[in-house]
Protein backbone atom coordinates (compact mmCIF):
# COMPACT_ATOMS: atom_id res chain seq x y z
CA UNK A 1 -5.20 -25.30 -34.07
CA UNK A 2 -2.76 -22.37 -34.32
CA UNK A 3 0.85 -22.56 -35.33
CA UNK A 4 3.28 -23.21 -32.45
CA UNK A 5 6.05 -20.80 -31.51
CA UNK A 6 9.52 -21.54 -32.77
CA UNK A 7 12.45 -20.53 -30.57
CA UNK A 8 15.76 -20.90 -32.35
CA UNK A 9 19.22 -20.82 -30.85
CA UNK A 10 21.88 -19.39 -33.15
CA UNK A 11 25.53 -18.44 -32.81
CA UNK A 12 26.03 -14.70 -32.39
CA UNK A 13 28.03 -14.45 -35.62
CA UNK A 14 25.12 -16.10 -37.45
CA UNK A 15 22.54 -13.76 -35.87
CA UNK A 16 23.26 -10.69 -38.01
CA UNK A 17 19.96 -9.42 -39.39
CA UNK A 18 17.84 -11.41 -36.91
CA UNK A 19 15.69 -9.94 -34.08
CA UNK A 20 16.43 -10.81 -30.46
CA UNK A 21 13.78 -12.90 -28.74
CA UNK A 22 14.26 -11.20 -25.36
CA UNK A 23 16.21 -8.48 -23.54
CA UNK A 24 19.87 -9.18 -22.82
CA UNK A 25 21.36 -7.98 -19.54
CA UNK A 26 24.82 -6.56 -18.90
CA UNK A 27 26.23 -6.94 -15.38
CA UNK A 28 29.36 -5.27 -14.01
CA UNK A 29 29.60 -6.41 -10.36
CA UNK A 30 29.28 -3.49 -7.99
CA UNK A 31 28.87 -0.97 -10.82
CA UNK A 32 26.05 -1.70 -13.23
CA UNK A 33 23.18 -4.03 -13.99
CA UNK A 34 20.82 -3.20 -16.81
CA UNK A 35 19.64 -3.87 -20.31
CA UNK A 36 22.35 -4.14 -22.96
CA UNK A 37 20.08 -5.08 -25.86
CA UNK A 38 16.32 -4.72 -26.14
CA UNK A 39 14.02 -7.51 -27.27
CA UNK A 40 13.37 -7.12 -30.98
CA UNK A 41 16.74 -5.45 -31.64
CA UNK A 42 18.07 -6.54 -35.03
CA UNK A 43 21.61 -7.79 -34.58
CA UNK A 44 24.30 -5.90 -36.51
CA UNK A 45 27.87 -6.91 -37.17
CA UNK A 46 29.16 -4.22 -34.79
CA UNK A 47 27.08 -5.78 -31.96
CA UNK A 48 29.07 -9.02 -31.98
CA UNK A 49 31.99 -7.81 -29.77
CA UNK A 50 29.59 -6.42 -27.14
CA UNK A 51 27.54 -9.62 -27.15
CA UNK A 52 30.70 -11.58 -26.45
CA UNK A 53 31.73 -9.15 -23.71
CA UNK A 54 28.49 -9.90 -21.86
CA UNK A 55 29.15 -13.62 -22.21
CA UNK A 56 26.93 -14.46 -25.16
CA UNK A 57 28.14 -16.98 -27.71
CA UNK A 58 24.58 -17.94 -28.65
CA UNK A 59 21.29 -16.02 -28.63
CA UNK A 60 17.62 -16.86 -29.10
CA UNK A 61 15.47 -15.64 -31.94
CA UNK A 62 11.75 -16.30 -31.80
CA UNK A 63 8.83 -16.77 -34.12
CA UNK A 64 5.61 -16.69 -32.06
CA UNK A 65 2.79 -19.14 -32.62
CA UNK A 66 -0.84 -18.10 -32.88
CA UNK A 67 -1.68 -19.22 -29.32
CA UNK A 68 1.38 -17.78 -27.56
CA UNK A 69 2.35 -14.42 -26.09
CA UNK A 70 5.86 -13.03 -25.68
CA UNK A 71 6.93 -12.18 -22.10
CA UNK A 72 6.93 -8.41 -22.77
CA UNK A 73 3.42 -8.36 -24.21
CA UNK A 74 2.22 -10.63 -21.41
CA UNK A 75 3.59 -8.31 -18.71
CA UNK A 76 2.11 -5.23 -20.42
CA UNK A 77 -1.33 -6.86 -20.65
CA UNK A 78 -1.22 -7.96 -17.01
CA UNK A 79 -0.31 -4.43 -15.91
CA UNK A 80 -3.07 -2.85 -17.99
CA UNK A 81 -5.58 -5.32 -16.57
CA UNK A 82 -4.91 -4.60 -12.90
CA UNK A 83 -3.87 -0.96 -12.55
CA UNK A 84 -6.29 1.48 -10.96
CA UNK A 85 -6.55 5.10 -9.84
CA UNK A 86 -3.35 7.06 -9.22
CA UNK A 87 -1.12 4.33 -10.63
CA UNK A 88 1.43 4.73 -13.43
CA UNK A 89 2.56 1.85 -15.64
CA UNK A 90 6.12 1.46 -16.87
CA UNK A 91 7.68 0.01 -19.99
CA UNK A 92 8.76 -3.64 -20.03
CA UNK A 93 12.35 -4.27 -19.00
CA UNK A 94 13.84 -7.76 -19.07
CA UNK A 95 10.31 -9.15 -19.31
CA UNK A 96 9.01 -7.24 -16.28
CA UNK A 97 6.57 -4.32 -15.97
CA UNK A 98 6.39 -2.19 -12.81
CA UNK A 99 3.44 -0.23 -11.46
CA UNK A 100 4.30 2.92 -9.49
CA UNK A 101 2.35 5.33 -7.33
CA UNK A 102 1.42 8.48 -9.25
CA UNK A 103 0.73 10.33 -5.97
CA UNK A 104 1.56 10.09 -2.29
CA UNK A 105 -1.16 8.07 -0.64
CA UNK A 106 -2.31 4.71 0.68
CA UNK A 107 -1.78 1.55 -1.36
CA UNK A 108 -5.07 -0.27 -1.97
CA UNK A 109 -4.26 -3.78 -3.18
CA UNK A 110 -6.60 -6.76 -3.12
CA UNK A 111 -4.64 -9.69 -1.67
CA UNK A 112 -7.21 -12.30 -2.68
CA UNK A 113 -7.03 -11.14 -6.30
CA UNK A 114 -3.21 -11.21 -6.31
CA UNK A 115 -3.27 -14.72 -4.82
CA UNK A 116 -5.67 -15.85 -7.55
CA UNK A 117 -3.37 -14.51 -10.27
CA UNK A 118 -0.32 -16.18 -8.75
CA UNK A 119 -2.18 -19.49 -8.58
CA UNK A 120 -1.96 -19.57 -12.40
CA UNK A 121 1.18 -21.47 -13.36
CA UNK A 122 4.07 -19.42 -14.80
CA UNK A 123 2.64 -16.03 -13.77
CA UNK A 124 4.29 -13.81 -11.15
CA UNK A 125 2.72 -10.70 -9.61
CA UNK A 126 4.51 -9.22 -6.57
CA UNK A 127 3.08 -6.24 -4.66
CA UNK A 128 3.48 -4.16 -1.55
CA UNK A 129 1.06 -5.01 1.27
CA UNK A 130 -2.21 -3.15 1.10
CA UNK A 131 -2.45 -0.07 3.36
CA UNK A 132 1.23 0.75 2.83
CA UNK A 133 1.90 4.50 2.80
CA UNK A 134 3.58 5.16 -0.56
CA UNK A 135 5.39 8.15 -1.99
CA UNK A 136 4.94 9.44 -5.52
CA UNK A 137 7.02 7.28 -7.86
CA UNK A 138 7.37 4.41 -5.39
CA UNK A 139 7.00 0.87 -6.74
CA UNK A 140 3.65 -0.75 -5.99
CA UNK A 141 3.85 -3.96 -7.97
CA UNK A 142 5.92 -5.86 -10.49
CA UNK A 143 4.67 -8.52 -12.86
CA UNK A 144 6.09 -10.92 -15.37
CA UNK A 145 5.76 -14.41 -16.77
CA UNK A 146 8.34 -17.01 -15.87
CA UNK A 147 9.15 -18.22 -19.38
CA UNK A 148 9.98 -16.34 -22.54
CA UNK A 149 6.61 -17.26 -24.05
CA UNK A 150 3.32 -18.18 -22.41
CA UNK A 151 -0.07 -19.43 -23.46
CA UNK A 152 -2.36 -16.61 -24.55
CA UNK A 153 -5.17 -18.29 -22.57
CA UNK A 154 -3.40 -17.62 -19.26
CA UNK A 155 -3.10 -13.90 -19.93
CA UNK A 156 -6.71 -13.77 -21.09
CA UNK A 157 -7.68 -15.42 -17.78
CA UNK A 158 -6.02 -12.56 -15.86
CA UNK A 159 -7.79 -9.99 -18.03
CA UNK A 160 -11.12 -11.72 -17.45
CA UNK A 161 -10.56 -11.85 -13.68
CA UNK A 162 -9.67 -8.14 -13.64
CA UNK A 163 -12.80 -7.19 -15.61
CA UNK A 164 -14.96 -9.10 -13.14
CA UNK A 165 -13.19 -7.42 -10.22
CA UNK A 166 -13.79 -3.97 -11.70
CA UNK A 167 -17.48 -4.73 -12.22
CA UNK A 168 -17.81 -5.23 -8.47
CA UNK A 169 -15.76 -2.16 -7.53
CA UNK A 170 -17.25 0.65 -9.64
CA UNK A 171 -14.59 0.32 -12.32
CA UNK A 172 -11.64 0.57 -9.94
CA UNK A 173 -8.65 -1.72 -10.48
CA UNK A 174 -7.34 -4.18 -7.88
CA UNK A 175 -4.13 -2.13 -7.51
CA UNK A 176 -4.68 1.57 -6.77
CA UNK A 177 -3.55 4.42 -4.52
CA UNK A 178 -5.97 6.37 -2.36
CA UNK A 179 -5.12 10.06 -1.81
CA UNK A 180 -4.88 11.50 1.67
CA UNK A 181 -7.55 14.04 2.61
CA UNK A 182 -6.75 17.15 4.61
CA UNK A 183 -8.52 16.45 7.89
CA UNK A 184 -9.37 19.06 10.52
CA UNK A 185 -8.81 17.35 13.85
CA UNK A 186 -9.86 18.33 17.34
CA UNK A 187 -7.70 17.05 20.22
CA UNK A 188 -8.97 16.59 23.78
CA UNK A 189 -6.24 15.96 26.34
CA UNK A 190 -7.64 14.43 29.52
CA UNK A 191 -6.10 14.17 32.96
CA UNK A 192 -6.48 16.37 36.00
CA UNK A 193 -2.70 16.52 36.43
CA UNK A 194 -2.31 18.13 32.98
CA UNK A 195 -5.45 20.26 33.30
CA UNK A 196 -4.20 21.71 36.59
CA UNK A 197 -0.71 22.38 35.23
CA UNK A 198 1.04 19.83 37.44
CA UNK A 199 2.34 17.84 34.45
CA UNK A 200 3.38 19.13 31.03
CA UNK A 201 1.32 17.91 28.09
CA UNK A 202 3.37 15.57 25.90
CA UNK A 203 0.53 14.24 23.76
CA UNK A 204 -0.24 17.39 21.77
CA UNK A 205 3.09 17.77 19.90
CA UNK A 206 3.22 14.06 19.04
CA UNK A 207 -0.33 13.92 17.68
CA UNK A 208 0.10 17.19 15.79
CA UNK A 209 3.28 15.92 14.10
CA UNK A 210 1.68 12.64 13.04
CA UNK A 211 -1.34 14.41 11.55
CA UNK A 212 0.79 16.95 9.70
CA UNK A 213 2.79 14.12 8.10
CA UNK A 214 -0.40 13.23 6.19
CA UNK A 215 -1.32 16.81 5.34
CA UNK A 216 -3.91 17.17 8.12
CA UNK A 217 -4.08 19.76 10.90
CA UNK A 218 -5.06 20.12 14.53
CA UNK A 219 -7.57 22.96 14.57
CA UNK A 220 -7.66 23.17 18.36
CA UNK A 221 -6.45 21.29 21.43
CA UNK A 222 -8.60 21.47 24.56
CA UNK A 223 -7.91 20.18 28.05
CA UNK A 224 -10.22 18.36 30.43
CA UNK A 225 -10.16 16.80 33.88
CA UNK A 226 -10.92 13.09 34.21
CA UNK A 227 -14.60 13.76 34.82
CA UNK A 228 -16.89 12.00 32.37
CA UNK A 229 -19.23 14.98 32.04
CA UNK A 230 -16.35 17.31 31.20
CA UNK A 231 -14.91 14.97 28.58
CA UNK A 232 -18.37 14.55 27.03
CA UNK A 233 -18.75 18.33 26.92
CA UNK A 234 -15.47 18.70 24.99
CA UNK A 235 -16.50 15.95 22.57
CA UNK A 236 -19.77 17.77 21.94
CA UNK A 237 -17.83 20.99 21.37
CA UNK A 238 -15.81 19.44 18.56
CA UNK A 239 -18.86 17.71 17.12
CA UNK A 240 -20.59 21.09 16.84
CA UNK A 241 -17.39 22.57 15.36
CA UNK A 242 -17.76 20.03 12.52
CA UNK A 243 -14.22 18.73 12.69
CA UNK A 244 -13.31 15.69 10.58
CA UNK A 245 -11.62 13.73 13.38
CA UNK A 246 -11.70 13.76 17.19
CA UNK A 247 -8.74 12.44 19.20
CA UNK A 248 -9.09 11.97 22.95
CA UNK A 249 -5.72 11.42 24.60
CA UNK A 250 -5.13 9.69 27.90
CA UNK A 251 -7.45 8.04 30.39
CA UNK A 252 -7.47 4.72 28.53
CA UNK A 253 -6.12 2.33 31.18
CA UNK A 254 -8.08 0.28 33.73
CA UNK A 255 -7.40 2.72 36.58
CA UNK A 256 -10.54 4.07 38.31
CA UNK A 257 -9.64 7.65 37.32
CA UNK A 258 -9.33 6.75 33.61
CA UNK A 259 -12.78 7.40 32.20
CA UNK A 260 -12.21 8.25 28.54
CA UNK A 261 -13.89 5.11 27.08
CA UNK A 262 -17.02 5.69 29.14
CA UNK A 263 -17.15 9.34 28.11
CA UNK A 264 -16.85 8.51 24.42
CA UNK A 265 -19.69 6.02 24.73
CA UNK A 266 -21.83 8.44 26.77
CA UNK A 267 -21.33 11.09 24.07
CA UNK A 268 -23.32 8.82 21.75
CA UNK A 269 -20.47 7.34 19.73
CA UNK A 270 -20.70 3.88 18.19
CA UNK A 271 -17.81 1.87 19.62
CA UNK A 272 -16.15 -0.16 16.86
CA UNK A 273 -13.57 -1.65 19.20
CA UNK A 274 -12.18 -0.92 22.65
CA UNK A 275 -8.80 -2.57 22.39
CA UNK A 276 -6.78 -3.82 19.43
CA UNK A 277 -4.68 -6.97 18.94
CA UNK A 278 -1.50 -4.94 18.37
CA UNK A 279 1.43 -4.07 20.59
CA UNK A 280 2.11 -1.34 21.46
CA UNK A 281 -1.23 0.45 21.46
CA UNK A 282 -3.57 -2.37 22.44
CA UNK A 283 -5.70 -0.07 24.65
CA UNK A 284 -6.71 2.19 21.72
CA UNK A 285 -10.44 2.77 21.25
CA UNK A 286 -11.95 3.19 17.77
CA UNK A 287 -15.41 4.72 17.45
CA UNK A 288 -17.61 6.90 15.24
CA UNK A 289 -19.73 9.84 16.35
CA UNK A 290 -22.09 9.94 13.40
CA UNK A 291 -19.61 10.08 10.51
CA UNK A 292 -16.78 11.55 12.60
CA UNK A 293 -14.04 9.08 13.57
CA UNK A 294 -13.20 9.36 17.26
CA UNK A 295 -10.18 7.64 18.77
CA UNK A 296 -9.19 7.18 22.39
CA UNK A 297 -5.39 7.19 22.42
CA UNK A 298 -3.43 5.34 25.11
CA UNK A 299 -0.16 6.57 26.58
CA UNK A 300 1.93 4.40 24.25
CA UNK A 301 1.12 6.81 21.40
CA UNK A 302 3.00 9.47 23.35
CA UNK A 303 6.20 7.52 24.07
CA UNK A 304 6.47 4.73 21.46
CA UNK A 305 7.57 5.62 17.94
CA UNK A 306 5.14 3.20 16.28
CA UNK A 307 1.79 2.01 17.58
CA UNK A 308 -1.59 0.93 16.25
CA UNK A 309 -2.40 4.65 15.88
CA UNK A 310 0.24 4.81 13.13
CA UNK A 311 -1.54 1.94 11.37
CA UNK A 312 -5.06 3.38 11.58
CA UNK A 313 -4.33 7.08 11.04
CA UNK A 314 -3.27 6.81 7.36
CA UNK A 315 -6.34 4.69 6.63
CA UNK A 316 -8.60 7.31 8.19
CA UNK A 317 -6.79 10.07 6.29
CA UNK A 318 -7.44 8.11 3.08
CA UNK A 319 -11.18 8.03 3.86
CA UNK A 320 -11.26 4.36 4.87
CA UNK A 321 -14.00 3.50 7.35
CA UNK A 322 -12.57 1.27 10.07
CA UNK A 323 -14.73 -1.77 10.88
CA UNK A 324 -14.42 -4.40 13.61
CA UNK A 325 -13.14 -6.91 11.06
CA UNK A 326 -10.27 -4.57 10.17
CA UNK A 327 -9.26 -4.39 13.83
CA UNK A 328 -9.39 -8.18 14.17
CA UNK A 329 -6.97 -8.57 11.25
CA UNK A 330 -4.27 -6.51 12.96
CA UNK A 331 -3.06 -9.24 15.30
CA UNK A 332 -1.17 -11.28 12.70
CA UNK A 333 2.05 -9.33 12.21
CA UNK A 334 0.90 -6.85 14.86
CA UNK A 335 3.81 -7.13 17.29
CA UNK A 336 5.91 -3.97 16.95
CA UNK A 337 7.51 -3.87 20.39
CA UNK A 338 11.01 -3.48 18.91
CA UNK A 339 10.13 -1.17 16.03
CA UNK A 340 11.74 2.25 15.77
């Protein structure tokens, strides 16, 4: 059986020549909060006044046992175990290590894995939700242990879980960032009123702006009446043009003149879902024409700032294939009627 850790409390004036057991924080309300002394710092006589200014009359010094891990080492090992592609790890600060996005992209975080880690007593791993759009340098996750020292076996359990996860995911870590691809999109705007020039098209600028925000482009926008054959013909045109994404706007309601869903199906697309459990945007249709994603966009995409299209588009741009199960998961937390 290994030697146990010894944590000793000493008066600051008796600590000269001894290493700190943990980081010490200095707080000036409204002005500053940060590290005043780093763990392992050897106390000098000139440090005593500053220690007292931050309210320290006593400090901890620590001698680790064979079966224990210091909070800094524990956080570092947890971070190394879980980080994946396009993720940068930071240095420990006050016992915590942060993971940050190394690129702009889509956060890919396995919730079940995170839950399993947090089920281990005295471990804390907090993350963004998966599928969050993140900017370069943005925090993805933070991890620490609750106490100053922790059993080595608990950290080894996290490392073992992470190795097993990687084995099932081609070496990828459970926390990663997927890059956005540059997609070439074809847009078909349906509606006889727009086709005949009676109503100005409002869909095109909105869709173009959303695509450009992820580095993708609209290669061409074409207009069609509400006739099924005409819509099918335009879908075939973009299929032959080998675009990466087809967006069909309008014609998604239950009115007899709204025939977009039928046209998408008649074009030979596999319908993943006609309708989504999110508001606004519940009438959206998700399908695939071979490997080309094809979406039928309802009018809410045109006039609401945030809809289900804003949830699915970044996933598609990150090369995620949308399945029926993904659509079904959108209902919980899927009410965005007041967003924006």
